[in-house]
Structures are given as C-alpha cells and as structure tokens.
Protein backbone atom coordinates (compact mmCIF):
# COMPACT_ATOMS: atom_id res chain seq x y z
CA MET A 1 3.82 48.20 -27.85
CA LYS A 2 3.18 45.48 -25.38
CA ALA A 3 6.13 43.19 -24.60
CA LEU A 4 5.54 39.47 -24.47
CA ALA A 5 7.76 37.12 -22.56
CA SER A 6 8.70 33.67 -23.62
CA VAL A 7 10.79 31.13 -21.84
CA VAL A 8 13.69 29.55 -23.62
CA CYS A 9 15.43 26.50 -22.31
CA ALA A 10 19.16 27.06 -22.63
CA ALA A 11 19.92 23.35 -22.80
CA SER A 12 18.11 20.46 -24.34
CA LEU A 13 16.04 18.21 -22.14
CA VAL A 14 18.04 15.48 -20.55
CA LEU A 15 15.66 12.54 -20.68
CA SER A 16 17.54 10.78 -17.93
CA MET A 17 16.43 13.40 -15.37
CA SER A 18 15.16 11.58 -12.35
CA ALA A 19 11.91 12.13 -10.60
CA VAL A 20 12.15 12.92 -6.94
CA HIS A 21 10.13 11.12 -4.34
CA ALA A 22 9.42 11.67 -0.71
CA ALA A 23 8.63 9.46 2.20
CA VAL A 24 5.30 9.74 3.99
CA THR A 25 5.81 10.88 7.56
CA VAL A 26 5.04 8.44 10.35
CA LEU A 27 5.16 9.84 13.86
CA GLY A 28 6.26 8.11 17.03
CA PRO A 29 8.85 5.43 17.66
CA GLY A 30 8.68 1.93 16.25
CA PRO A 31 9.25 -0.01 13.05
CA ALA A 32 6.93 2.15 10.90
CA LYS A 33 8.99 5.22 11.89
CA GLU A 34 12.18 3.30 11.13
CA CYS A 35 10.77 2.46 7.69
CA PHE A 36 10.03 6.17 7.15
CA ASP A 37 13.59 7.06 8.18
CA PHE A 38 15.06 4.72 5.55
CA ALA A 39 12.68 6.01 2.86
CA GLU A 40 13.47 9.61 3.78
CA ASN A 41 17.20 9.42 4.44
CA GLY A 42 18.47 6.38 2.55
CA GLY A 43 21.15 4.23 4.09
CA ASP A 44 21.11 0.46 3.71
CA LEU A 45 17.95 0.25 1.61
CA HIS A 46 17.78 -3.53 1.88
CA GLU A 47 17.69 -3.15 5.66
CA GLY A 48 15.03 -0.50 5.11
CA LEU A 49 12.89 -3.02 3.24
CA VAL A 50 13.30 -5.45 6.14
CA ARG A 51 12.20 -2.76 8.64
CA CYS A 52 9.21 -1.80 6.49
CA THR A 53 8.11 -5.40 6.06
CA PHE A 54 8.47 -5.97 9.80
CA ALA A 55 6.35 -2.87 10.44
CA LEU A 56 3.65 -4.10 8.05
CA ASN A 57 3.50 -7.37 10.02
CA THR A 58 2.64 -5.47 13.20
CA THR A 59 -0.58 -3.79 14.27
CA LEU A 60 -0.64 -0.27 12.84
CA PRO A 61 -3.33 2.37 12.53
CA VAL A 62 -4.65 2.49 8.95
CA SER A 63 -2.93 5.80 8.22
CA ASP A 64 0.47 4.45 9.36
CA ARG A 65 -0.07 1.20 7.44
CA ALA A 66 -0.84 3.18 4.27
CA ALA A 67 2.20 5.41 4.82
CA THR A 68 4.42 2.37 5.46
CA PHE A 69 3.35 0.75 2.20
CA VAL A 70 4.14 3.97 0.35
CA ASN A 71 7.46 4.31 2.16
CA ARG A 72 8.42 0.74 1.26
CA GLY A 73 7.46 1.61 -2.31
CA VAL A 74 9.78 4.62 -2.19
CA ILE A 75 12.62 2.34 -1.09
CA HIS A 76 11.82 -0.08 -3.92
CA LEU A 77 11.90 2.85 -6.34
CA SER A 78 15.31 3.89 -4.98
CA LEU A 79 16.48 0.34 -5.68
CA HIS A 80 15.03 0.56 -9.25
CA GLU A 81 12.49 -2.14 -8.39
CA ASP A 82 9.63 -0.37 -10.14
CA ASP A 83 7.13 -3.25 -10.19
CA GLU A 84 7.46 -3.76 -6.44
CA ALA A 85 7.29 -0.01 -5.88
CA ILE A 86 3.99 0.25 -7.78
CA LYS A 87 2.50 -2.70 -5.85
CA ASP A 88 3.36 -1.18 -2.49
CA ILE A 89 2.27 2.35 -3.36
CA ASP A 90 -0.99 1.00 -4.81
CA ALA A 91 -1.56 -0.87 -1.53
CA GLY A 92 -0.99 2.34 0.43
CA ILE A 93 -3.37 4.32 -1.78
CA ALA A 94 -5.99 1.56 -1.49
CA LEU A 95 -5.86 1.95 2.30
CA ASP A 96 -5.89 5.77 2.20
CA PRO A 97 -7.24 7.05 -1.13
CA VAL A 98 -6.68 10.69 -0.13
CA LEU A 99 -2.98 10.26 0.64
CA GLY A 100 -1.64 12.91 -1.74
CA ASP A 101 1.98 11.88 -1.24
CA GLY A 102 1.16 8.37 -2.40
CA TYR A 103 -0.04 9.70 -5.75
CA VAL A 104 3.06 11.87 -6.15
CA ASP A 105 5.31 8.91 -5.36
CA ARG A 106 3.38 6.64 -7.74
CA GLY A 107 3.83 9.38 -10.35
CA ALA A 108 7.59 9.17 -9.78
CA VAL A 109 7.50 5.42 -10.40
CA LEU A 110 5.40 5.89 -13.53
CA MET A 111 7.93 8.44 -14.79
CA SER A 112 10.66 5.88 -14.20
CA LEU A 113 8.65 3.49 -16.37
CA GLY A 114 8.27 6.12 -19.10
CA ARG A 115 4.51 6.39 -18.54
CA TYR A 116 4.45 10.18 -18.50
CA ASP A 117 0.73 10.70 -19.13
CA ASP A 118 -0.23 8.39 -16.24
CA ALA A 119 2.45 10.00 -14.06
CA LEU A 120 1.07 13.47 -14.78
CA LYS A 121 -2.43 12.40 -13.73
CA ASP A 122 -1.14 11.01 -10.44
CA ILE A 123 1.07 14.00 -9.70
CA ASN A 124 -1.79 16.40 -10.38
CA LYS A 125 -4.03 14.36 -8.10
CA GLY A 126 -1.36 14.42 -5.39
CA ILE A 127 -1.17 18.21 -5.65
CA GLU A 128 -4.97 18.46 -5.56
CA LEU A 129 -5.16 16.25 -2.46
CA GLY A 130 -2.56 18.33 -0.65
CA SER A 131 0.76 16.56 -0.80
CA HIS A 132 2.81 17.38 2.28
CA ARG A 133 5.83 18.13 0.09
CA PRO A 134 4.33 19.78 -2.97
CA HIS A 135 7.70 21.06 -4.17
CA PHE A 136 8.57 17.48 -5.15
CA ALA A 137 5.32 17.22 -7.10
CA TYR A 138 5.95 20.45 -9.00
CA TYR A 139 9.53 19.39 -9.75
CA ASP A 140 8.38 16.04 -11.15
CA ARG A 141 5.63 17.73 -13.13
CA ALA A 142 8.22 20.11 -14.61
CA ILE A 143 10.19 17.11 -15.87
CA ILE A 144 7.03 15.80 -17.55
CA ASP A 145 6.32 19.27 -18.98
CA GLU A 146 9.78 19.28 -20.56
CA HIS A 147 9.34 15.75 -21.84
CA ASN A 148 6.10 16.88 -23.49
CA GLY A 149 7.79 19.94 -25.02
CA ASP A 150 5.97 22.52 -22.89
CA ILE A 151 8.99 24.58 -21.86
CA GLY A 152 6.91 27.44 -20.41
CA ALA A 153 5.00 25.09 -18.12
CA ALA A 154 8.26 23.40 -17.07
CA TYR A 155 9.75 26.77 -16.16
CA ARG A 156 6.66 27.72 -14.13
CA ASP A 157 6.65 24.38 -12.29
CA TYR A 158 10.37 24.55 -11.44
CA LYS A 159 9.78 28.12 -10.18
CA LYS A 160 6.79 26.95 -8.10
CA ALA A 161 8.88 24.13 -6.61
CA LEU A 162 11.56 26.64 -5.62
CA GLU A 163 8.97 29.09 -4.30
CA LEU A 164 7.52 26.37 -2.06
CA GLU A 165 10.96 25.23 -0.88
CA PRO A 166 13.54 28.00 -1.33
CA ASN A 167 16.44 25.65 -0.50
CA PHE A 168 15.41 23.05 -3.11
CA SER A 169 18.69 22.79 -4.98
CA LEU A 170 17.38 20.46 -7.69
CA ALA A 171 14.80 23.01 -8.85
CA ALA A 172 17.30 25.86 -8.53
CA GLY A 173 19.74 23.93 -10.69
CA GLU A 174 17.15 23.25 -13.38
CA LEU A 175 16.10 26.90 -13.49
CA LYS A 176 19.67 27.88 -14.38
CA ARG A 177 19.07 26.28 -17.79
CA PHE A 178 16.27 28.75 -18.63
CA ARG A 179 16.16 32.35 -19.64
CA VAL A 180 13.17 34.59 -20.15
CA VAL A 181 13.23 36.50 -23.43
CA LYS A 182 10.96 39.51 -23.96
CA HIS A 183 9.46 40.07 -27.38
CA ASN A 184 7.63 43.17 -28.60
CA ALA A 185 4.03 42.67 -29.63
CA GLY A 186 3.74 42.51 -33.36
CA GLY A 187 6.84 40.39 -33.79
CA THR A 188 9.45 43.14 -33.60
C-alpha cells in the first residue's frame, strides 16, 4: 500500500502573525543609502523617514529613487502607518514596475490591512519578478496560506523560506508547529 503524507499544524493559526518586509538595497554612500540602512536595520525610524525624504529631494537615478520610495514605505509600515506605506511603495513600483521587492513589501502592507487576497497577488508577482530576498516572500505567503486554511501550502512555503535562507529563524520557528503524518492508501 502506498503511504500518503499530510501536514498537520500542531497549533492553531495565530492571526496576529506579522508579515516580514525587507528594504531594497541602494549602493554607494549618500542619503538614499542612509534611508536603506534605516529600513533594513531599524533604529530611530522617524529619523529614517527624514533621511528618506531628504534623499527623495535630491537627484537620484530612477532605480535608486524607486528603491528609496519602497524603503520609506517599509519604514512607514514599521511605524504602523499603512496608508503612507502603500503610497510610497506604489510610487516606487510606478517608477520601476519590475521591482520584485516592492511587490513583496506592498504585500506585507496589504496583509497588515487584512487584504490577504490582494497581498497574495503582490507577493506572487514579487516572487515571479525575482525578489532579492525571496525567503521573506515565501514566509509571508505561508502566513496567507494559513489564514486561508491551506496548511499544506503553508508548510511548503515555510520550508521554502528556510531552504532559501537556512538561518531564517522566523521560518524555522513556524515549522516547529507542524508535523508530517503518514497515512496508508485506502484510509488505514
């Protein structure tokens, strides 16, 4: 008899799980890089907003301008300023419509707003476009999978996140809640 495997979540979904978001890398010194550093590493987020706004008031290549809008959006998201986060990330995507990380970060904001279907579309698009940190995208998608009751897909996405970034403690922690149970074909 063929054994089938199913995934069982050992704990119920905690709906307060937070999406993760990542800054969009800006290279070289200057205010756009400083904005990235705040989005990536935290710190005084209000000062980060000041640095990002200053950067956006300077001459930047289009790719850095798009990244800086997304990074300022990430800081707004960290401050729970979802409306401002969406505006900034939308501005970044408008400047660079193939910026995969922008879609993943907008997906995180949409999750924060409880708009899971819209978030899933953006996260999938971010993965398709080649997000630079796809482990964040798979982690966020796993949260949506759980929210939608697809425990098997959530398990696979958490595993993919950990496969892509073996030191990703958030995904490793979530996977501890699951166990794979083998069933014999035919229900026995």
